[in-house]
Amino acid sequence: MSDTTRPTPPGSPESHVIAFRAAEQLLAARDPRGAVKLLDSVIAAHPESVSARLLRARAFFAAAQLRAAEREFELILEREPDNAFAHFALARTHQRSGRPEKARKHFRLAAALDPQPEYLEAARFQD
């Protein structure tokens, strides 16, 4: 068997990349729970990976696991306080959880960090 046909060993860096890409596909295909399962092993091996955590947070949100999504977005923001998308997604999580004041704070932070139209509209600075 040549090197190009050798199976990827479980737990290898290559298998984590494959799992991450597969999780992206599952989330796009509206299978967030499947995505979370794949990402759990990636994050166990690479707990510092913000991209894996962000994808898992999005999957938790899509699966309506709002407390888990909130914890994951908050962890991301501890590491990257200037991550506008994480602020915006955390705001959406708070909004969906019925906490409008917390949502407003993070909508405004997202808009201040990255003034794209969607963030500015959600921030409602004129209110």
C-alpha atoms as a PDB file:
ATOM      1  CA  MET A   1       0.000   0.000   0.000  1.00  0.00           C
ATOM      2  CA  SER A   2       1.422   3.415  -0.893  1.00  0.00           C
ATOM      3  CA  ASP A   3       1.516   6.356   1.511  1.00  0.00           C
ATOM      4  CA  THR A   4      -1.369   8.033  -0.308  1.00  0.00           C
ATOM      5  CA  THR A   5      -3.749   5.122   0.248  1.00  0.00           C
ATOM      6  CA  ARG A   6      -2.932   4.437   3.884  1.00  0.00           C
ATOM      7  CA  PRO A   7      -5.960   5.017   6.155  1.00  0.00           C
ATOM      8  CA  THR A   8      -5.778   7.976   8.490  1.00  0.00           C
ATOM      9  CA  PRO A   9      -5.152   6.745  12.046  1.00  0.00           C
ATOM     10  CA  PRO A  10      -7.758   7.827  14.582  1.00  0.00           C
ATOM     11  CA  GLY A  11      -6.539  10.641  16.800  1.00  0.00           C
ATOM     12  CA  SER A  12      -3.999  11.894  14.276  1.00  0.00           C
ATOM     13  CA  PRO A  13      -3.904  15.556  13.270  1.00  0.00           C
ATOM     14  CA  GLU A  14      -5.211  14.532   9.849  1.00  0.00           C
ATOM     15  CA  SER A  15      -8.211  12.781  11.399  1.00  0.00           C
ATOM     16  CA  HIS A  16      -9.024  15.943  13.347  1.00  0.00           C
ATOM     17  CA  VAL A  17      -8.967  18.023  10.169  1.00  0.00           C
ATOM     18  CA  ILE A  18     -11.226  15.471   8.502  1.00  0.00           C
ATOM     19  CA  ALA A  19     -13.594  15.505  11.492  1.00  0.00           C
ATOM     20  CA  PHE A  20     -13.660  19.326  11.492  1.00  0.00           C
ATOM     21  CA  ARG A  21     -14.501  19.463   7.766  1.00  0.00           C
ATOM     22  CA  ALA A  22     -17.125  16.743   8.178  1.00  0.00           C
ATOM     23  CA  ALA A  23     -18.660  18.708  11.077  1.00  0.00           C
ATOM     24  CA  GLU A  24     -18.878  21.786   8.823  1.00  0.00           C
ATOM     25  CA  GLN A  25     -20.735  19.691   6.272  1.00  0.00           C
ATOM     26  CA  LEU A  26     -23.080  18.242   8.885  1.00  0.00           C
ATOM     27  CA  LEU A  27     -23.916  21.697  10.186  1.00  0.00           C
ATOM     28  CA  ALA A  28     -24.595  22.904   6.637  1.00  0.00           C
ATOM     29  CA  ALA A  29     -26.806  19.838   6.130  1.00  0.00           C
ATOM     30  CA  ARG A  30     -28.767  20.746   9.281  1.00  0.00           C
ATOM     31  CA  ASP A  31     -27.380  17.973  11.473  1.00  0.00           C
ATOM     32  CA  PRO A  32     -25.958  20.030  14.343  1.00  0.00           C
ATOM     33  CA  ARG A  33     -25.964  17.157  16.819  1.00  0.00           C
ATOM     34  CA  GLY A  34     -23.817  15.085  14.468  1.00  0.00           C
ATOM     35  CA  ALA A  35     -21.476  18.052  14.113  1.00  0.00           C
ATOM     36  CA  VAL A  36     -21.156  18.382  17.888  1.00  0.00           C
ATOM     37  CA  LYS A  37     -20.244  14.701  18.220  1.00  0.00           C
ATOM     38  CA  LEU A  38     -17.437  15.051  15.694  1.00  0.00           C
ATOM     39  CA  LEU A  39     -16.168  18.285  17.219  1.00  0.00           C
ATOM     40  CA  ASP A  40     -16.005  16.877  20.749  1.00  0.00           C
ATOM     41  CA  SER A  41     -12.998  14.734  19.817  1.00  0.00           C
ATOM     42  CA  VAL A  42     -11.349  17.578  17.906  1.00  0.00           C
ATOM     43  CA  ILE A  43     -11.690  19.930  20.881  1.00  0.00           C
ATOM     44  CA  ALA A  44     -10.523  17.248  23.313  1.00  0.00           C
ATOM     45  CA  ALA A  45      -7.328  17.007  21.272  1.00  0.00           C
ATOM     46  CA  HIS A  46      -7.054  20.753  20.552  1.00  0.00           C
ATOM     47  CA  PRO A  47      -8.796  22.662  23.367  1.00  0.00           C
ATOM     48  CA  GLU A  48      -7.142  25.918  22.257  1.00  0.00           C
ATOM     49  CA  SER A  49      -8.724  25.777  18.784  1.00  0.00           C
ATOM     50  CA  VAL A  50     -11.018  28.782  18.506  1.00  0.00           C
ATOM     51  CA  SER A  51     -12.265  27.717  15.079  1.00  0.00           C
ATOM     52  CA  ALA A  52     -13.367  24.293  16.376  1.00  0.00           C
ATOM     53  CA  ARG A  53     -15.008  25.885  19.397  1.00  0.00           C
ATOM     54  CA  LEU A  54     -16.771  28.455  17.239  1.00  0.00           C
ATOM     55  CA  LEU A  55     -18.128  25.738  14.971  1.00  0.00           C
ATOM     56  CA  ARG A  56     -19.274  23.723  17.991  1.00  0.00           C
ATOM     57  CA  ALA A  57     -20.936  26.804  19.486  1.00  0.00           C
ATOM     58  CA  ARG A  58     -22.801  27.354  16.214  1.00  0.00           C
ATOM     59  CA  ALA A  59     -23.855  23.694  16.241  1.00  0.00           C
ATOM     60  CA  PHE A  60     -25.093  23.961  19.837  1.00  0.00           C
ATOM     61  CA  PHE A  61     -27.096  27.047  18.857  1.00  0.00           C
ATOM     62  CA  ALA A  62     -28.579  25.284  15.819  1.00  0.00           C
ATOM     63  CA  ALA A  63     -29.511  22.319  18.039  1.00  0.00           C
ATOM     64  CA  ALA A  64     -31.223  24.708  20.495  1.00  0.00           C
ATOM     65  CA  GLN A  65     -28.699  23.772  23.207  1.00  0.00           C
ATOM     66  CA  LEU A  66     -28.514  27.389  24.258  1.00  0.00           C
ATOM     67  CA  ARG A  67     -26.674  27.016  27.577  1.00  0.00           C
ATOM     68  CA  ALA A  68     -23.935  25.010  25.879  1.00  0.00           C
ATOM     69  CA  ALA A  69     -23.759  27.542  23.040  1.00  0.00           C
ATOM     70  CA  GLU A  70     -23.538  30.395  25.546  1.00  0.00           C
ATOM     71  CA  ARG A  71     -20.696  28.730  27.464  1.00  0.00           C
ATOM     72  CA  GLU A  72     -18.780  28.056  24.263  1.00  0.00           C
ATOM     73  CA  PHE A  73     -19.215  31.609  22.902  1.00  0.00           C
ATOM     74  CA  GLU A  74     -18.132  33.034  26.275  1.00  0.00           C
ATOM     75  CA  LEU A  75     -15.015  30.860  26.272  1.00  0.00           C
ATOM     76  CA  ILE A  76     -14.184  32.089  22.779  1.00  0.00           C
ATOM     77  CA  LEU A  77     -14.619  35.698  23.919  1.00  0.00           C
ATOM     78  CA  GLU A  78     -12.310  35.115  26.889  1.00  0.00           C
ATOM     79  CA  ARG A  79      -9.629  34.169  24.369  1.00  0.00           C
ATOM     80  CA  GLU A  80     -10.600  36.655  21.655  1.00  0.00           C
ATOM     81  CA  PRO A  81     -12.508  39.584  23.173  1.00  0.00           C
ATOM     82  CA  ASP A  82     -12.439  41.377  19.814  1.00  0.00           C
ATOM     83  CA  ASN A  83     -14.213  38.560  17.922  1.00  0.00           C
ATOM     84  CA  ALA A  84     -17.206  40.430  16.498  1.00  0.00           C
ATOM     85  CA  PHE A  85     -18.915  37.296  15.213  1.00  0.00           C
ATOM     86  CA  ALA A  86     -18.700  35.615  18.632  1.00  0.00           C
ATOM     87  CA  HIS A  87     -20.274  38.704  20.239  1.00  0.00           C
ATOM     88  CA  PHE A  88     -23.028  38.706  17.618  1.00  0.00           C
ATOM     89  CA  ALA A  89     -23.695  34.975  18.006  1.00  0.00           C
ATOM     90  CA  LEU A  90     -23.681  35.245  21.806  1.00  0.00           C
ATOM     91  CA  ALA A  91     -26.173  38.098  21.489  1.00  0.00           C
ATOM     92  CA  ARG A  92     -28.430  35.914  19.327  1.00  0.00           C
ATOM     93  CA  THR A  93     -28.127  33.184  21.947  1.00  0.00           C
ATOM     94  CA  HIS A  94     -29.155  35.589  24.733  1.00  0.00           C
ATOM     95  CA  GLN A  95     -31.977  36.913  22.562  1.00  0.00           C
ATOM     96  CA  ARG A  96     -33.276  33.409  21.921  1.00  0.00           C
ATOM     97  CA  SER A  97     -32.987  32.657  25.664  1.00  0.00           C
ATOM     98  CA  GLY A  98     -35.188  35.643  26.507  1.00  0.00           C
ATOM     99  CA  ARG A  99     -32.441  37.908  27.885  1.00  0.00           C
ATOM    100  CA  PRO A 100     -32.732  41.062  25.736  1.00  0.00           C
ATOM    101  CA  GLU A 101     -30.455  43.303  27.830  1.00  0.00           C
ATOM    102  CA  LYS A 102     -27.558  40.869  27.657  1.00  0.00           C
ATOM    103  CA  ALA A 103     -28.261  40.451  23.945  1.00  0.00           C
ATOM    104  CA  ARG A 104     -28.217  44.201  23.342  1.00  0.00           C
ATOM    105  CA  LYS A 105     -24.807  44.563  25.015  1.00  0.00           C
ATOM    106  CA  HIS A 106     -23.220  41.964  22.734  1.00  0.00           C
ATOM    107  CA  PHE A 107     -25.009  43.224  19.615  1.00  0.00           C
ATOM    108  CA  ARG A 108     -23.504  46.632  20.310  1.00  0.00           C
ATOM    109  CA  LEU A 109     -20.044  45.223  20.927  1.00  0.00           C
ATOM    110  CA  ALA A 110     -20.243  43.277  17.660  1.00  0.00           C
ATOM    111  CA  ALA A 111     -21.293  46.403  15.743  1.00  0.00           C
ATOM    112  CA  ALA A 112     -18.570  48.498  17.351  1.00  0.00           C
ATOM    113  CA  LEU A 113     -15.920  45.909  16.469  1.00  0.00           C
ATOM    114  CA  ASP A 114     -17.172  45.290  12.925  1.00  0.00           C
ATOM    115  CA  PRO A 115     -19.749  47.760  11.605  1.00  0.00           C
ATOM    116  CA  GLN A 116     -21.320  45.479   9.045  1.00  0.00           C
ATOM    117  CA  PRO A 117     -25.004  46.138   8.274  1.00  0.00           C
ATOM    118  CA  GLU A 118     -26.376  43.049  10.030  1.00  0.00           C
ATOM    119  CA  TYR A 119     -24.522  43.906  13.244  1.00  0.00           C
ATOM    120  CA  LEU A 120     -25.491  47.581  13.099  1.00  0.00           C
ATOM    121  CA  GLU A 121     -29.142  46.759  12.520  1.00  0.00           C
ATOM    122  CA  ALA A 122     -29.208  44.333  15.467  1.00  0.00           C
ATOM    123  CA  ALA A 123     -27.419  46.835  17.733  1.00  0.00           C
ATOM    124  CA  ARG A 124     -30.149  49.459  17.264  1.00  0.00           C
ATOM    125  CA  PHE A 125     -27.922  52.325  18.365  1.00  0.00           C
ATOM    126  CA  GLN A 126     -30.708  54.827  17.649  1.00  0.00           C
ATOM    127  CA  ASP A 127     -32.974  53.301  20.361  1.00  0.00           C
END
